[in-house]
């Protein structure tokens, strides 16, 4: 009997695919989807689009059209106000962030979210700095918005060193590319709990 040795990421991907197949079978027989299976189906589709090299912006735009609202049980849109999945693109892994993946929830239904007028500053109380990223490798390196700088590719030098407790100060799902030999000035924000 053959044995497969899978990484935790590969195991998660197979489990996600199995849950998405369950959702597809339910849709095929006319059953509506709950939150867990609708999230699995949408994440699976996003991962496959990324694998095929579809641009991040196009994936986000297409994601909201993958499952029709009438295919969902009541309350799913309110229960899932956003969706984030790490997807493997040809250039590497990026976080795909989709707001209101199943459409806006009912204004006053369960789970409705009401926000104040005006702009909202994210991570408002966290320290911010400027950092320099230098690629000492032979290939371009992509850095996603959510990745702590302490966990980036070893070929990427982060200076000053104390910025390793930070991440890029970019919206979720955004990423930057640092070409070989390039010095890239970036704004960074402290990772929650990493900087006092």
Foldseek 3Di string as FASTA:
>chain_A
DDDDDDDPVRVVLVVLVVLQVVLVVCVVVPAADEQVSLLSVLLNVLQVCQQVQPDLVVSLVCQLVPDALVSHDAPNLLVDQKHWDFHQHPQGTFIRIHGSSPHAHDCPDPNHDDDDDDDDDPPVVWDKDKKKKAQQDQAKFKFYQPDQLLPGDPRIDIPPPVSSQWGFPDPGRDIDIAGHGRIDIGMITGDPPSDD
